[in-house]
Amino acid sequence: MDLFNTLTISADGMKAQGTRLRIIAENLANADSTASEPGGEPYQRKMVNFKNVLNREIGAETVNVDRITLDQSEFSQRFDPGHPAANEDGYVLLPNVNSLIELTDMREAQRSYEANLRVQQSSRRMLEQTINLLR
């Protein structure tokens, strides 16, 4: 494996983690988004699934986003008969987003992104040193 392959592999990792960070930010932004109509469903948490993909050009597997799915966990309820989204019993469905879990996922994604970035920086430095040796 040469240094150019490490750049491709780490770039794909950064792209996947960037997508994960975007979805986490979307979840956090909508953590309090209830339905706009009585009895409607609130915002449903999204999750990113990854998959390994063989990059035939470099002969190595890279990580890519497979799909973005909706979290199927149940919504919590709050009794608030005056809320515009309350059902006939007076309960409002709340999003299934747990801010603590989202922040933990965000920290993990950030660390993975930074690790891939360090690989890029190290590879770039080694390539520059190699070029300087050849001058």
Foldseek 3Di string as FASTA:
>chain_A
DALVVLLVQLVQLLVALVVQLVLLVVLVVQQFAFDQAAPDGGDFRKGWDKDWDQDVVVRDTHIHTPDIDTDPDAFDWDQAQVDRHHYPVRITTGYPRDNVVSVVSNVVSVVSNVVSVVSNVVSVVVVVVVVVVVD
